[in-house]
Amino acid sequence: MDTEGLPLGRHVDYPRRYDATLLFPIPRAQGRAPLGLADGAPLPFTGNDRWHAYEVSWLDLRGKPVVATLTITVPADTPHLVESKSLKLYLNSFNATRFADAAEVRARIAADLSRAAGGPVQVGAGLPPLASSRADDAFLLDTLDVDIVAYGPPDASLLAADAGDTAAETLRSDLLKSNCPVTGQPDWASVRIAYAGPRIDRAGLLRYLVSFRDHAEFHEQCVERIFADVMARCAPRTLSVEARYTRRGGLDINPWRATPGLAQPAVLRDERQ
């Protein structure tokens, strides 16, 4: 088939051997500066970026392929995030390389990612369990009957809260979509916002989340923007924002940001992942 002229992107050479230089770190400060977070200043949130890797393989010492899945956790206070396509290429570089066992592979990945991120990265075997939508006690914003006209850039003015009423609740939407700033391709996610404080206007929050639809920003930066905007406009006492992005290239990412002191939500995967 003649593919010349088709919108299939540029050819990328397949890694022929293990190569840690394929990892491409990006300073988190680039995405935080527009949010008013100065480089080096204390962060208003805690959290991490949890990657699920579904397509990990290497050769044993006799040349027999081994396959595995991994969970990679990058703390939010590391100075760099790792660009997803570079992470995919890096993991593919293990495919034709021999290692003694799975523990050696995990240790090598943890060491390489820690250097790229600038802080300790954890690499664990396997994947977390799937979440059950039937057991989710969050209110699904997508059931609201609302008109929506704003699809980008993200519009924080759509957010509002009632200072005369308080709530402690979790709100969920499966309609979060943004675009990769590198490839322009869509990124899809479910987002969970748990808070305590002035009651957030649900319709306004849904409209705000949909206003990311034509916005180009990395997954981690989108979650930090949501956290910062909700804090600024709605002033909750506590706030937790987690986005579970669907898989691309054998990887999905789940950034979580929360006010310091909050426990991390249950580590789960969505059915869409």
C-alpha atoms as a PDB file:
ATOM      1  CA  MET A   1       0.000   0.000   0.000  1.00  0.00           C
ATOM      2  CA  ASP A   2       1.288   3.444  -0.926  1.00  0.00           C
ATOM      3  CA  THR A   3       1.101   5.521   2.271  1.00  0.00           C
ATOM      4  CA  GLU A   4       2.780   8.634   0.884  1.00  0.00           C
ATOM      5  CA  GLY A   5       0.637  11.673   1.552  1.00  0.00           C
ATOM      6  CA  LEU A   6      -1.464   9.988   4.262  1.00  0.00           C
ATOM      7  CA  PRO A   7      -1.614  11.697   7.671  1.00  0.00           C
ATOM      8  CA  LEU A   8       0.239   8.914   9.460  1.00  0.00           C
ATOM      9  CA  GLY A   9       3.046  10.989  10.971  1.00  0.00           C
ATOM     10  CA  ARG A  10       6.772  10.627  10.596  1.00  0.00           C
ATOM     11  CA  HIS A  11       8.655   7.343  10.709  1.00  0.00           C
ATOM     12  CA  VAL A  12      10.359   6.742  14.039  1.00  0.00           C
ATOM     13  CA  ASP A  13      13.259   4.301  14.162  1.00  0.00           C
ATOM     14  CA  TYR A  14      12.539   1.297  16.369  1.00  0.00           C
ATOM     15  CA  PRO A  15      15.066   1.048  19.220  1.00  0.00           C
ATOM     16  CA  ARG A  16      17.438  -1.870  18.565  1.00  0.00           C
ATOM     17  CA  ARG A  17      18.992  -1.955  22.031  1.00  0.00           C
ATOM     18  CA  TYR A  18      18.509  -0.586  25.510  1.00  0.00           C
ATOM     19  CA  ASP A  19      18.974   3.189  25.435  1.00  0.00           C
ATOM     20  CA  ALA A  20      18.305   5.424  28.453  1.00  0.00           C
ATOM     21  CA  THR A  21      19.018   8.544  26.381  1.00  0.00           C
ATOM     22  CA  LEU A  22      15.634   8.103  24.699  1.00  0.00           C
ATOM     23  CA  LEU A  23      13.948   9.552  27.801  1.00  0.00           C
ATOM     24  CA  PHE A  24      12.997  13.198  27.283  1.00  0.00           C
ATOM     25  CA  PRO A  25      12.488  15.164  30.518  1.00  0.00           C
ATOM     26  CA  ILE A  26      10.465  18.390  30.459  1.00  0.00           C
ATOM     27  CA  PRO A  27      10.783  20.993  33.259  1.00  0.00           C
ATOM     28  CA  ARG A  28       7.562  21.124  35.264  1.00  0.00           C
ATOM     29  CA  ALA A  29       8.231  24.842  35.773  1.00  0.00           C
ATOM     30  CA  GLN A  30       7.187  25.479  32.159  1.00  0.00           C
ATOM     31  CA  GLY A  31       3.602  24.437  32.868  1.00  0.00           C
ATOM     32  CA  ARG A  32       3.486  25.887  36.369  1.00  0.00           C
ATOM     33  CA  ALA A  33       4.630  29.402  35.523  1.00  0.00           C
ATOM     34  CA  PRO A  34       1.296  30.297  33.821  1.00  0.00           C
ATOM     35  CA  LEU A  35      -0.471  29.144  37.002  1.00  0.00           C
ATOM     36  CA  GLY A  36       1.508  31.627  39.090  1.00  0.00           C
ATOM     37  CA  LEU A  37       3.701  28.930  40.639  1.00  0.00           C
ATOM     38  CA  ALA A  38       7.233  30.296  40.682  1.00  0.00           C
ATOM     39  CA  ASP A  39      10.071  27.882  40.040  1.00  0.00           C
ATOM     40  CA  GLY A  40      11.488  26.760  43.387  1.00  0.00           C
ATOM     41  CA  ALA A  41       8.579  28.123  45.451  1.00  0.00           C
ATOM     42  CA  PRO A  42       6.680  25.743  47.769  1.00  0.00           C
ATOM     43  CA  LEU A  43       3.982  23.843  45.895  1.00  0.00           C
ATOM     44  CA  PRO A  44       0.351  24.277  47.015  1.00  0.00           C
ATOM     45  CA  PHE A  45      -0.290  20.586  46.392  1.00  0.00           C
ATOM     46  CA  THR A  46       1.115  17.139  46.875  1.00  0.00           C
ATOM     47  CA  GLY A  47       0.658  14.177  44.562  1.00  0.00           C
ATOM     48  CA  ASN A  48       2.197  11.977  41.926  1.00  0.00           C
ATOM     49  CA  ASP A  49       1.957  10.809  38.336  1.00  0.00           C
ATOM     50  CA  ARG A  50       1.143   7.107  38.143  1.00  0.00           C
ATOM     51  CA  TRP A  51       1.922   5.387  34.860  1.00  0.00           C
ATOM     52  CA  HIS A  52       0.570   1.961  33.895  1.00  0.00           C
ATOM     53  CA  ALA A  53       2.765   0.176  31.335  1.00  0.00           C
ATOM     54  CA  TYR A  54       0.962  -2.651  29.561  1.00  0.00           C
ATOM     55  CA  GLU A  55       3.582  -3.606  26.955  1.00  0.00           C
ATOM     56  CA  VAL A  56       6.930  -4.293  28.639  1.00  0.00           C
ATOM     57  CA  SER A  57       9.242  -6.976  27.265  1.00  0.00           C
ATOM     58  CA  TRP A  58      12.889  -8.034  27.315  1.00  0.00           C
ATOM     59  CA  LEU A  59      14.998 -11.148  26.672  1.00  0.00           C
ATOM     60  CA  ASP A  60      16.203 -13.532  29.357  1.00  0.00           C
ATOM     61  CA  LEU A  61      19.847 -14.603  29.420  1.00  0.00           C
ATOM     62  CA  ARG A  62      19.104 -17.405  26.923  1.00  0.00           C
ATOM     63  CA  GLY A  63      17.379 -15.039  24.515  1.00  0.00           C
ATOM     64  CA  LYS A  64      13.788 -16.033  25.296  1.00  0.00           C
ATOM     65  CA  PRO A  65      11.325 -13.107  25.369  1.00  0.00           C
ATOM     66  CA  VAL A  66       9.672 -12.157  28.649  1.00  0.00           C
ATOM     67  CA  VAL A  67       6.559  -9.970  28.910  1.00  0.00           C
ATOM     68  CA  ALA A  68       5.326  -7.993  31.895  1.00  0.00           C
ATOM     69  CA  THR A  69       3.270  -5.058  33.110  1.00  0.00           C
ATOM     70  CA  LEU A  70       4.495  -2.300  35.404  1.00  0.00           C
ATOM     71  CA  THR A  71       3.231   0.547  37.567  1.00  0.00           C
ATOM     72  CA  ILE A  72       5.530   3.598  37.609  1.00  0.00           C
ATOM     73  CA  THR A  73       5.044   6.363  40.191  1.00  0.00           C
ATOM     74  CA  VAL A  74       6.693   9.759  39.712  1.00  0.00           C
ATOM     75  CA  PRO A  75       6.345  12.247  42.618  1.00  0.00           C
ATOM     76  CA  ALA A  76       4.825  15.614  41.695  1.00  0.00           C
ATOM     77  CA  ASP A  77       7.673  17.473  43.379  1.00  0.00           C
ATOM     78  CA  THR A  78      10.295  16.132  40.967  1.00  0.00           C
ATOM     79  CA  PRO A  79      11.629  18.971  38.781  1.00  0.00           C
ATOM     80  CA  HIS A  80      10.856  17.167  35.532  1.00  0.00           C
ATOM     81  CA  LEU A  81       8.063  15.169  33.961  1.00  0.00           C
ATOM     82  CA  VAL A  82       8.901  12.566  31.310  1.00  0.00           C
ATOM     83  CA  GLU A  83       7.307  13.006  27.876  1.00  0.00           C
ATOM     84  CA  SER A  84       5.089  10.008  27.118  1.00  0.00           C
ATOM     85  CA  LYS A  85       6.322   9.131  23.632  1.00  0.00           C
ATOM     86  CA  SER A  86       9.912   9.136  24.854  1.00  0.00           C
ATOM     87  CA  LEU A  87       8.868   6.808  27.688  1.00  0.00           C
ATOM     88  CA  LYS A  88       7.268   4.467  25.152  1.00  0.00           C
ATOM     89  CA  LEU A  89      10.408   4.409  22.980  1.00  0.00           C
ATOM     90  CA  TYR A  90      12.586   3.889  26.046  1.00  0.00           C
ATOM     91  CA  LEU A  91      10.547   0.896  27.204  1.00  0.00           C
ATOM     92  CA  ASN A  92      10.665  -0.531  23.673  1.00  0.00           C
ATOM     93  CA  SER A  93      14.464  -0.364  23.830  1.00  0.00           C
ATOM     94  CA  PHE A  94      14.344  -3.264  26.318  1.00  0.00           C
ATOM     95  CA  ASN A  95      12.712  -5.596  23.778  1.00  0.00           C
ATOM     96  CA  ALA A  96      15.948  -6.946  22.273  1.00  0.00           C
ATOM     97  CA  THR A  97      18.171  -6.649  25.337  1.00  0.00           C
ATOM     98  CA  ARG A  98      19.024  -9.496  27.723  1.00  0.00           C
ATOM     99  CA  PHE A  99      18.539  -9.185  31.477  1.00  0.00           C
ATOM    100  CA  ALA A 100      18.978 -11.654  34.302  1.00  0.00           C
ATOM    101  CA  ASP A 101      15.465 -11.287  35.711  1.00  0.00           C
ATOM    102  CA  ALA A 102      12.478  -8.976  36.166  1.00  0.00           C
ATOM    103  CA  ALA A 103      13.967  -7.406  39.285  1.00  0.00           C
ATOM    104  CA  GLU A 104      16.979  -6.211  37.278  1.00  0.00           C
ATOM    105  CA  VAL A 105      14.681  -4.684  34.660  1.00  0.00           C
ATOM    106  CA  ARG A 106      12.604  -2.850  37.262  1.00  0.00           C
ATOM    107  CA  ALA A 107      15.723  -1.559  39.007  1.00  0.00           C
ATOM    108  CA  ARG A 108      17.161  -0.292  35.724  1.00  0.00           C
ATOM    109  CA  ILE A 109      13.922   1.498  34.805  1.00  0.00           C
ATOM    110  CA  ALA A 110      13.639   3.036  38.277  1.00  0.00           C
ATOM    111  CA  ALA A 111      17.228   4.317  38.135  1.00  0.00           C
ATOM    112  CA  ASP A 112      16.846   5.780  34.620  1.00  0.00           C
ATOM    113  CA  LEU A 113      13.518   7.456  35.344  1.00  0.00           C
ATOM    114  CA  SER A 114      14.799   8.834  38.647  1.00  0.00           C
ATOM    115  CA  ARG A 115      17.663  10.518  36.810  1.00  0.00           C
ATOM    116  CA  ALA A 116      15.316  11.899  34.150  1.00  0.00           C
ATOM    117  CA  ALA A 117      12.712  13.157  36.645  1.00  0.00           C
ATOM    118  CA  GLY A 118      15.277  14.457  39.121  1.00  0.00           C
ATOM    119  CA  GLY A 119      13.881  12.529  42.072  1.00  0.00           C
ATOM    120  CA  PRO A 120      13.066   9.009  43.283  1.00  0.00           C
ATOM    121  CA  VAL A 121      10.735   7.099  40.953  1.00  0.00           C
ATOM    122  CA  GLN A 122       9.132   3.840  42.070  1.00  0.00           C
ATOM    123  CA  VAL A 123       8.633   0.931  39.664  1.00  0.00           C
ATOM    124  CA  GLY A 124       6.424  -1.954  40.746  1.00  0.00           C
ATOM    125  CA  ALA A 125       5.406  -5.205  39.107  1.00  0.00           C
ATOM    126  CA  GLY A 126       1.897  -5.524  37.729  1.00  0.00           C
ATOM    127  CA  LEU A 127      -1.089  -3.193  37.536  1.00  0.00           C
ATOM    128  CA  PRO A 128      -3.625  -2.005  40.129  1.00  0.00           C
ATOM    129  CA  PRO A 129      -7.077  -3.593  40.023  1.00  0.00           C
ATOM    130  CA  LEU A 130      -9.911  -2.263  37.906  1.00  0.00           C
ATOM    131  CA  ALA A 131     -12.382   0.071  39.579  1.00  0.00           C
ATOM    132  CA  SER A 132     -16.042  -0.851  39.548  1.00  0.00           C
ATOM    133  CA  SER A 133     -18.331   1.938  38.374  1.00  0.00           C
ATOM    134  CA  ARG A 134     -21.089   0.386  40.478  1.00  0.00           C
ATOM    135  CA  ALA A 135     -19.028   0.954  43.612  1.00  0.00           C
ATOM    136  CA  ASP A 136     -18.188   4.576  42.776  1.00  0.00           C
ATOM    137  CA  ASP A 137     -20.031   6.913  45.150  1.00  0.00           C
ATOM    138  CA  ALA A 138     -19.044  10.009  43.163  1.00  0.00           C
ATOM    139  CA  PHE A 139     -21.721  12.113  41.509  1.00  0.00           C
ATOM    140  CA  LEU A 140     -21.434  11.849  37.705  1.00  0.00           C
ATOM    141  CA  LEU A 141     -21.505  15.391  36.323  1.00  0.00           C
ATOM    142  CA  ASP A 142     -22.140  14.054  32.813  1.00  0.00           C
ATOM    143  CA  THR A 143     -25.788  13.342  33.734  1.00  0.00           C
ATOM    144  CA  LEU A 144     -26.525  17.087  34.051  1.00  0.00           C
ATOM    145  CA  ASP A 145     -28.804  18.589  31.392  1.00  0.00           C
ATOM    146  CA  VAL A 146     -26.764  21.664  30.440  1.00  0.00           C
ATOM    147  CA  ASP A 147     -25.881  23.702  27.365  1.00  0.00           C
ATOM    148  CA  ILE A 148     -22.163  23.915  26.584  1.00  0.00           C
ATOM    149  CA  VAL A 149     -20.548  26.309  24.123  1.00  0.00           C
ATOM    150  CA  ALA A 150     -16.941  26.720  25.362  1.00  0.00           C
ATOM    151  CA  TYR A 151     -14.351  24.181  24.220  1.00  0.00           C
ATOM    152  CA  GLY A 152     -11.106  26.049  24.790  1.00  0.00           C
ATOM    153  CA  PRO A 153      -9.034  27.543  26.147  1.00  0.00           C
ATOM    154  CA  PRO A 154      -9.892  26.422  29.694  1.00  0.00           C
ATOM    155  CA  ASP A 155     -12.208  29.032  31.178  1.00  0.00           C
ATOM    156  CA  ALA A 156     -11.878  29.322  34.954  1.00  0.00           C
ATOM    157  CA  SER A 157     -14.623  31.968  35.028  1.00  0.00           C
ATOM    158  CA  LEU A 158     -17.124  29.121  34.603  1.00  0.00           C
ATOM    159  CA  LEU A 159     -16.296  27.910  38.123  1.00  0.00           C
ATOM    160  CA  ALA A 160     -18.312  29.107  41.103  1.00  0.00           C
ATOM    161  CA  ALA A 161     -19.147  28.031  44.634  1.00  0.00           C
ATOM    162  CA  ASP A 162     -21.817  28.964  47.183  1.00  0.00           C
ATOM    163  CA  ALA A 163     -20.114  30.423  50.243  1.00  0.00           C
ATOM    164  CA  GLY A 164     -23.429  30.109  52.123  1.00  0.00           C
ATOM    165  CA  ASP A 165     -23.559  26.347  51.717  1.00  0.00           C
ATOM    166  CA  THR A 166     -20.911  23.712  52.419  1.00  0.00           C
ATOM    167  CA  ALA A 167     -20.349  20.221  51.120  1.00  0.00           C
ATOM    168  CA  ALA A 168     -17.935  17.306  51.303  1.00  0.00           C
ATOM    169  CA  GLU A 169     -18.370  15.302  48.127  1.00  0.00           C
ATOM    170  CA  THR A 170     -16.701  13.693  45.124  1.00  0.00           C
ATOM    171  CA  LEU A 171     -17.659  14.777  41.619  1.00  0.00           C
ATOM    172  CA  ARG A 172     -16.720  12.803  38.520  1.00  0.00           C
ATOM    173  CA  SER A 173     -16.730  13.354  34.776  1.00  0.00           C
ATOM    174  CA  ASP A 174     -15.717  11.102  31.895  1.00  0.00           C
ATOM    175  CA  LEU A 175     -15.752  14.031  29.451  1.00  0.00           C
ATOM    176  CA  LEU A 176     -12.280  15.455  30.020  1.00  0.00           C
ATOM    177  CA  LYS A 177     -10.409  15.729  26.739  1.00  0.00           C
ATOM    178  CA  SER A 178      -7.301  17.714  25.871  1.00  0.00           C
ATOM    179  CA  ASN A 179      -4.716  17.477  23.119  1.00  0.00           C
ATOM    180  CA  CYS A 180      -1.062  16.476  23.205  1.00  0.00           C
ATOM    181  CA  PRO A 181       1.113  19.571  22.670  1.00  0.00           C
ATOM    182  CA  VAL A 182       3.684  17.423  20.823  1.00  0.00           C
ATOM    183  CA  THR A 183       1.542  15.370  18.411  1.00  0.00           C
ATOM    184  CA  GLY A 184      -1.771  17.241  18.487  1.00  0.00           C
ATOM    185  CA  GLN A 185      -3.572  13.954  19.117  1.00  0.00           C
ATOM    186  CA  PRO A 186      -6.464  13.779  21.607  1.00  0.00           C
ATOM    187  CA  ASP A 187      -6.022  12.635  25.204  1.00  0.00           C
ATOM    188  CA  TRP A 188      -9.123  11.281  26.974  1.00  0.00           C
ATOM    189  CA  ALA A 189      -9.637  10.982  30.707  1.00  0.00           C
ATOM    190  CA  SER A 190     -12.024  10.509  33.571  1.00  0.00           C
ATOM    191  CA  VAL A 191     -11.521  13.050  36.343  1.00  0.00           C
ATOM    192  CA  ARG A 192     -12.482  12.855  40.017  1.00  0.00           C
ATOM    193  CA  ILE A 193     -12.655  15.976  42.153  1.00  0.00           C
ATOM    194  CA  ALA A 194     -13.097  15.431  45.889  1.00  0.00           C
ATOM    195  CA  TYR A 195     -13.414  18.518  48.079  1.00  0.00           C
ATOM    196  CA  ALA A 196     -14.708  19.927  51.320  1.00  0.00           C
ATOM    197  CA  GLY A 197     -15.822  23.542  51.594  1.00  0.00           C
ATOM    198  CA  PRO A 198     -18.190  25.907  49.787  1.00  0.00           C
ATOM    199  CA  ARG A 199     -20.510  23.874  47.559  1.00  0.00           C
ATOM    200  CA  ILE A 200     -19.193  23.904  43.984  1.00  0.00           C
ATOM    201  CA  ASP A 201     -21.679  24.670  41.231  1.00  0.00           C
ATOM    202  CA  ARG A 202     -21.888  21.376  39.365  1.00  0.00           C
ATOM    203  CA  ALA A 203     -23.027  22.750  36.015  1.00  0.00           C
ATOM    204  CA  GLY A 204     -20.243  25.322  36.032  1.00  0.00           C
ATOM    205  CA  LEU A 205     -17.669  22.663  36.892  1.00  0.00           C
ATOM    206  CA  LEU A 206     -18.830  20.459  34.021  1.00  0.00           C
ATOM    207  CA  ARG A 207     -18.667  23.371  31.580  1.00  0.00           C
ATOM    208  CA  TYR A 208     -15.178  24.183  32.860  1.00  0.00           C
ATOM    209  CA  LEU A 209     -13.925  20.623  32.361  1.00  0.00           C
ATOM    210  CA  VAL A 210     -15.318  20.511  28.826  1.00  0.00           C
ATOM    211  CA  SER A 211     -13.526  23.801  28.062  1.00  0.00           C
ATOM    212  CA  PHE A 212     -10.281  21.769  27.963  1.00  0.00           C
ATOM    213  CA  ARG A 213     -11.559  20.005  24.840  1.00  0.00           C
ATOM    214  CA  ASP A 214      -9.494  21.982  22.303  1.00  0.00           C
ATOM    215  CA  HIS A 215      -6.656  22.818  24.712  1.00  0.00           C
ATOM    216  CA  ALA A 216      -3.104  21.528  24.151  1.00  0.00           C
ATOM    217  CA  GLU A 217      -1.240  20.700  27.363  1.00  0.00           C
ATOM    218  CA  PHE A 218       0.451  17.713  28.961  1.00  0.00           C
ATOM    219  CA  HIS A 219      -1.709  15.476  31.172  1.00  0.00           C
ATOM    220  CA  GLU A 220       0.143  16.469  34.343  1.00  0.00           C
ATOM    221  CA  GLN A 221      -0.220  20.174  33.546  1.00  0.00           C
ATOM    222  CA  CYS A 222      -3.963  19.841  32.907  1.00  0.00           C
ATOM    223  CA  VAL A 223      -4.506  18.322  36.346  1.00  0.00           C
ATOM    224  CA  GLU A 224      -2.432  21.027  38.016  1.00  0.00           C
ATOM    225  CA  ARG A 225      -4.417  23.682  36.137  1.00  0.00           C
ATOM    226  CA  ILE A 226      -7.695  22.162  37.332  1.00  0.00           C
ATOM    227  CA  PHE A 227      -6.401  22.082  40.911  1.00  0.00           C
ATOM    228  CA  ALA A 228      -5.191  25.690  40.777  1.00  0.00           C
ATOM    229  CA  ASP A 229      -8.360  27.024  39.136  1.00  0.00           C
ATOM    230  CA  VAL A 230     -10.741  25.256  41.517  1.00  0.00           C
ATOM    231  CA  MET A 231      -8.732  26.448  44.520  1.00  0.00           C
ATOM    232  CA  ALA A 232      -8.694  30.040  43.262  1.00  0.00           C
ATOM    233  CA  ARG A 233     -12.354  30.270  42.221  1.00  0.00           C
ATOM    234  CA  CYS A 234     -14.088  27.987  44.746  1.00  0.00           C
ATOM    235  CA  ALA A 235     -11.799  28.178  47.826  1.00  0.00           C
ATOM    236  CA  PRO A 236     -12.325  24.658  49.190  1.00  0.00           C
ATOM    237  CA  ARG A 237     -10.713  23.784  52.502  1.00  0.00           C
ATOM    238  CA  THR A 238      -9.404  20.544  51.005  1.00  0.00           C
ATOM    239  CA  LEU A 239      -9.177  19.442  47.384  1.00  0.00           C
ATOM    240  CA  SER A 240      -8.113  16.308  45.526  1.00  0.00           C
ATOM    241  CA  VAL A 241      -7.998  16.077  41.718  1.00  0.00           C
ATOM    242  CA  GLU A 242      -7.216  12.812  39.952  1.00  0.00           C
ATOM    243  CA  ALA A 243      -7.410  12.195  36.196  1.00  0.00           C
ATOM    244  CA  ARG A 244      -7.243   8.682  34.788  1.00  0.00           C
ATOM    245  CA  TYR A 245      -6.235   8.961  31.136  1.00  0.00           C
ATOM    246  CA  THR A 246      -6.929   6.236  28.608  1.00  0.00           C
ATOM    247  CA  ARG A 247      -4.114   4.224  27.085  1.00  0.00           C
ATOM    248  CA  ARG A 248      -1.917   5.413  24.207  1.00  0.00           C
ATOM    249  CA  GLY A 249       1.056   3.437  22.967  1.00  0.00           C
ATOM    250  CA  GLY A 250       0.741   0.856  25.722  1.00  0.00           C
ATOM    251  CA  LEU A 251       0.802   3.499  28.474  1.00  0.00           C
ATOM    252  CA  ASP A 252      -1.749   5.367  30.512  1.00  0.00           C
ATOM    253  CA  ILE A 253      -1.090   8.077  33.083  1.00  0.00           C
ATOM    254  CA  ASN A 254      -3.000   9.035  36.211  1.00  0.00           C
ATOM    255  CA  PRO A 255      -1.895  12.381  37.662  1.00  0.00           C
ATOM    256  CA  TRP A 256      -3.138  13.188  41.161  1.00  0.00           C
ATOM    257  CA  ARG A 257      -2.819  16.517  42.996  1.00  0.00           C
ATOM    258  CA  ALA A 258      -4.214  17.350  46.430  1.00  0.00           C
ATOM    259  CA  THR A 259      -3.911  19.761  49.295  1.00  0.00           C
ATOM    260  CA  PRO A 260      -1.070  18.620  51.586  1.00  0.00           C
ATOM    261  CA  GLY A 261      -2.128  16.102  54.202  1.00  0.00           C
ATOM    262  CA  LEU A 262      -4.826  14.367  52.173  1.00  0.00           C
ATOM    263  CA  ALA A 263      -4.511  10.624  51.681  1.00  0.00           C
ATOM    264  CA  GLN A 264      -4.096   9.377  48.142  1.00  0.00           C
ATOM    265  CA  PRO A 265      -7.275   7.944  46.590  1.00  0.00           C
ATOM    266  CA  ALA A 266      -7.472   4.195  46.148  1.00  0.00           C
ATOM    267  CA  VAL A 267      -4.992   3.143  43.461  1.00  0.00           C
ATOM    268  CA  LEU A 268      -7.248   1.746  40.737  1.00  0.00           C
ATOM    269  CA  ARG A 269      -7.690   1.626  36.964  1.00  0.00           C
ATOM    270  CA  ASP A 270     -10.861   2.648  35.174  1.00  0.00           C
ATOM    271  CA  GLU A 271     -12.764   0.279  32.894  1.00  0.00           C
ATOM    272  CA  ARG A 272     -11.823   2.549  29.964  1.00  0.00           C
ATOM    273  CA  GLN A 273      -8.157   1.902  30.697  1.00  0.00           C
END
